[in-house]
Amino acid sequence: MKGGLGQLMKQAQAMQENLRKAQEQLASIEVEGQAGGGLVKITVTCRNAVRKVQLDHALLQEDREVVEDLLAAAMNDALRKAEQTSQERLQGLTAGLNIPGLNLPF
């Protein structure tokens, strides 16, 4: 039993280190969300830090409500893509580690 527990602890420590490294990598991965056919583009990292907001010049002629709606839609698109990318990158970290009830937040 002791050998099994020791091995389990080693696996958990390795997974924790891999998770830390993956989170550092995710901070540098950027994804772009768009709305209005590309009139609004928002770039975020996979750690949800906004890096860039781009507005097409034609959009500046629109009503404020239209611009606000497109900004929200582009941000939501970017955040969905960041979440999906994060999940794909972190998915394999717990493979092979069989701990019932372990559900790590991504």
C-alpha atoms as a PDB file:
ATOM      1  CA  MET A   1       0.000   0.000   0.000  1.00  0.00           C
ATOM      2  CA  LYS A   2       2.795   2.409   0.899  1.00  0.00           C
ATOM      3  CA  GLY A   3       4.466   1.969  -2.496  1.00  0.00           C
ATOM      4  CA  GLY A   4       1.198   2.679  -4.259  1.00  0.00           C
ATOM      5  CA  LEU A   5       0.599   5.819  -2.223  1.00  0.00           C
ATOM      6  CA  GLY A   6       4.146   7.027  -2.854  1.00  0.00           C
ATOM      7  CA  GLN A   7       3.709   6.500  -6.585  1.00  0.00           C
ATOM      8  CA  LEU A   8       0.397   8.317  -6.492  1.00  0.00           C
ATOM      9  CA  MET A   9       2.033  11.272  -4.722  1.00  0.00           C
ATOM     10  CA  LYS A  10       4.807  11.383  -7.329  1.00  0.00           C
ATOM     11  CA  GLN A  11       2.216  11.381 -10.101  1.00  0.00           C
ATOM     12  CA  ALA A  12       0.265  14.166  -8.395  1.00  0.00           C
ATOM     13  CA  GLN A  13       3.414  16.279  -7.988  1.00  0.00           C
ATOM     14  CA  ALA A  14       4.366  15.740 -11.634  1.00  0.00           C
ATOM     15  CA  MET A  15       0.850  16.673 -12.724  1.00  0.00           C
ATOM     16  CA  GLN A  16       0.968  19.814 -10.580  1.00  0.00           C
ATOM     17  CA  GLU A  17       4.260  20.873 -12.169  1.00  0.00           C
ATOM     18  CA  ASN A  18       2.922  20.146 -15.661  1.00  0.00           C
ATOM     19  CA  LEU A  19      -0.183  22.184 -14.873  1.00  0.00           C
ATOM     20  CA  ARG A  20       1.949  25.114 -13.700  1.00  0.00           C
ATOM     21  CA  LYS A  21       3.998  24.992 -16.911  1.00  0.00           C
ATOM     22  CA  ALA A  22       0.880  24.716 -19.062  1.00  0.00           C
ATOM     23  CA  GLN A  23      -0.687  27.735 -17.358  1.00  0.00           C
ATOM     24  CA  GLU A  24       2.460  29.752 -18.049  1.00  0.00           C
ATOM     25  CA  GLN A  25       2.286  28.721 -21.702  1.00  0.00           C
ATOM     26  CA  LEU A  26      -1.407  29.630 -21.898  1.00  0.00           C
ATOM     27  CA  ALA A  27      -0.552  33.158 -20.784  1.00  0.00           C
ATOM     28  CA  SER A  28       1.405  33.604 -24.017  1.00  0.00           C
ATOM     29  CA  ILE A  29      -1.095  31.972 -26.407  1.00  0.00           C
ATOM     30  CA  GLU A  30      -3.332  34.539 -28.085  1.00  0.00           C
ATOM     31  CA  VAL A  31      -6.680  34.017 -29.801  1.00  0.00           C
ATOM     32  CA  GLU A  32      -8.818  36.480 -31.713  1.00  0.00           C
ATOM     33  CA  GLY A  33     -12.550  36.996 -31.433  1.00  0.00           C
ATOM     34  CA  GLN A  34     -14.510  38.833 -34.105  1.00  0.00           C
ATOM     35  CA  ALA A  35     -17.920  40.351 -34.627  1.00  0.00           C
ATOM     36  CA  GLY A  36     -19.679  42.221 -37.402  1.00  0.00           C
ATOM     37  CA  GLY A  37     -17.856  40.335 -40.133  1.00  0.00           C
ATOM     38  CA  GLY A  38     -14.494  41.474 -38.788  1.00  0.00           C
ATOM     39  CA  LEU A  39     -15.466  45.065 -38.021  1.00  0.00           C
ATOM     40  CA  VAL A  40     -14.464  44.403 -34.408  1.00  0.00           C
ATOM     41  CA  LYS A  41     -11.529  42.177 -33.464  1.00  0.00           C
ATOM     42  CA  ILE A  42     -10.397  41.478 -29.928  1.00  0.00           C
ATOM     43  CA  THR A  43      -7.247  39.550 -29.106  1.00  0.00           C
ATOM     44  CA  VAL A  44      -6.966  37.851 -25.710  1.00  0.00           C
ATOM     45  CA  THR A  45      -4.601  35.368 -24.128  1.00  0.00           C
ATOM     46  CA  CYS A  46      -5.784  31.987 -22.948  1.00  0.00           C
ATOM     47  CA  ARG A  47      -5.526  33.415 -19.429  1.00  0.00           C
ATOM     48  CA  ASN A  48      -8.178  36.026 -20.418  1.00  0.00           C
ATOM     49  CA  ALA A  49      -5.911  39.067 -20.635  1.00  0.00           C
ATOM     50  CA  VAL A  50      -7.001  41.474 -23.374  1.00  0.00           C
ATOM     51  CA  ARG A  51      -4.082  42.261 -25.671  1.00  0.00           C
ATOM     52  CA  LYS A  52      -5.656  44.259 -28.481  1.00  0.00           C
ATOM     53  CA  VAL A  53      -8.962  45.802 -29.584  1.00  0.00           C
ATOM     54  CA  GLN A  54      -9.340  46.714 -33.248  1.00  0.00           C
ATOM     55  CA  LEU A  55     -12.245  48.687 -34.686  1.00  0.00           C
ATOM     56  CA  ASP A  56     -12.747  49.090 -38.404  1.00  0.00           C
ATOM     57  CA  HIS A  57     -12.888  52.771 -39.357  1.00  0.00           C
ATOM     58  CA  ALA A  58     -16.358  52.290 -40.916  1.00  0.00           C
ATOM     59  CA  LEU A  59     -17.675  51.208 -37.527  1.00  0.00           C
ATOM     60  CA  LEU A  60     -17.007  54.648 -36.061  1.00  0.00           C
ATOM     61  CA  GLN A  61     -19.917  56.015 -38.087  1.00  0.00           C
ATOM     62  CA  GLU A  62     -22.386  53.663 -36.382  1.00  0.00           C
ATOM     63  CA  ASP A  63     -24.600  54.318 -33.369  1.00  0.00           C
ATOM     64  CA  ARG A  64     -23.078  53.796 -29.961  1.00  0.00           C
ATOM     65  CA  GLU A  65     -25.382  50.832 -29.206  1.00  0.00           C
ATOM     66  CA  VAL A  66     -24.223  49.013 -32.358  1.00  0.00           C
ATOM     67  CA  VAL A  67     -20.572  49.481 -31.421  1.00  0.00           C
ATOM     68  CA  GLU A  68     -21.209  48.324 -27.854  1.00  0.00           C
ATOM     69  CA  ASP A  69     -23.074  45.212 -29.046  1.00  0.00           C
ATOM     70  CA  LEU A  70     -20.290  44.323 -31.481  1.00  0.00           C
ATOM     71  CA  LEU A  71     -17.633  44.831 -28.805  1.00  0.00           C
ATOM     72  CA  ALA A  72     -19.497  42.509 -26.438  1.00  0.00           C
ATOM     73  CA  ALA A  73     -19.980  39.897 -29.158  1.00  0.00           C
ATOM     74  CA  ALA A  74     -16.301  40.005 -30.161  1.00  0.00           C
ATOM     75  CA  MET A  75     -15.204  39.729 -26.527  1.00  0.00           C
ATOM     76  CA  ASN A  76     -17.489  36.746 -25.948  1.00  0.00           C
ATOM     77  CA  ASP A  77     -16.157  35.106 -29.115  1.00  0.00           C
ATOM     78  CA  ALA A  78     -12.558  35.640 -27.981  1.00  0.00           C
ATOM     79  CA  LEU A  79     -13.243  34.280 -24.497  1.00  0.00           C
ATOM     80  CA  ARG A  80     -14.962  31.171 -25.905  1.00  0.00           C
ATOM     81  CA  LYS A  81     -11.963  30.527 -28.153  1.00  0.00           C
ATOM     82  CA  ALA A  82      -9.551  31.051 -25.257  1.00  0.00           C
ATOM     83  CA  GLU A  83     -11.508  28.600 -23.095  1.00  0.00           C
ATOM     84  CA  GLN A  84     -11.611  26.007 -25.865  1.00  0.00           C
ATOM     85  CA  THR A  85      -7.882  26.354 -26.526  1.00  0.00           C
ATOM     86  CA  SER A  86      -7.121  26.099 -22.810  1.00  0.00           C
ATOM     87  CA  GLN A  87      -9.180  22.948 -22.432  1.00  0.00           C
ATOM     88  CA  GLU A  88      -7.501  21.359 -25.446  1.00  0.00           C
ATOM     89  CA  ARG A  89      -4.027  22.167 -24.068  1.00  0.00           C
ATOM     90  CA  LEU A  90      -4.765  20.984 -20.525  1.00  0.00           C
ATOM     91  CA  GLN A  91      -6.807  17.928 -21.466  1.00  0.00           C
ATOM     92  CA  GLY A  92      -3.945  15.452 -21.417  1.00  0.00           C
ATOM     93  CA  LEU A  93      -2.482  16.494 -18.078  1.00  0.00           C
ATOM     94  CA  THR A  94      -4.614  14.157 -15.971  1.00  0.00           C
ATOM     95  CA  ALA A  95      -4.395  11.220 -18.393  1.00  0.00           C
ATOM     96  CA  GLY A  96      -3.049   8.170 -16.614  1.00  0.00           C
ATOM     97  CA  LEU A  97      -3.672   9.589 -13.155  1.00  0.00           C
ATOM     98  CA  ASN A  98      -6.642   7.659 -11.809  1.00  0.00           C
ATOM     99  CA  ILE A  99      -7.965   9.555  -8.817  1.00  0.00           C
ATOM    100  CA  PRO A 100     -11.724   9.181  -8.361  1.00  0.00           C
ATOM    101  CA  GLY A 101     -13.481  12.505  -8.094  1.00  0.00           C
ATOM    102  CA  LEU A 102     -10.496  14.539  -9.349  1.00  0.00           C
ATOM    103  CA  ASN A 103     -11.876  17.340 -11.447  1.00  0.00           C
ATOM    104  CA  LEU A 104      -9.372  20.135 -11.994  1.00  0.00           C
ATOM    105  CA  PRO A 105     -10.656  23.534 -13.085  1.00  0.00           C
ATOM    106  CA  PHE A 106      -9.376  24.645 -16.443  1.00  0.00           C
END
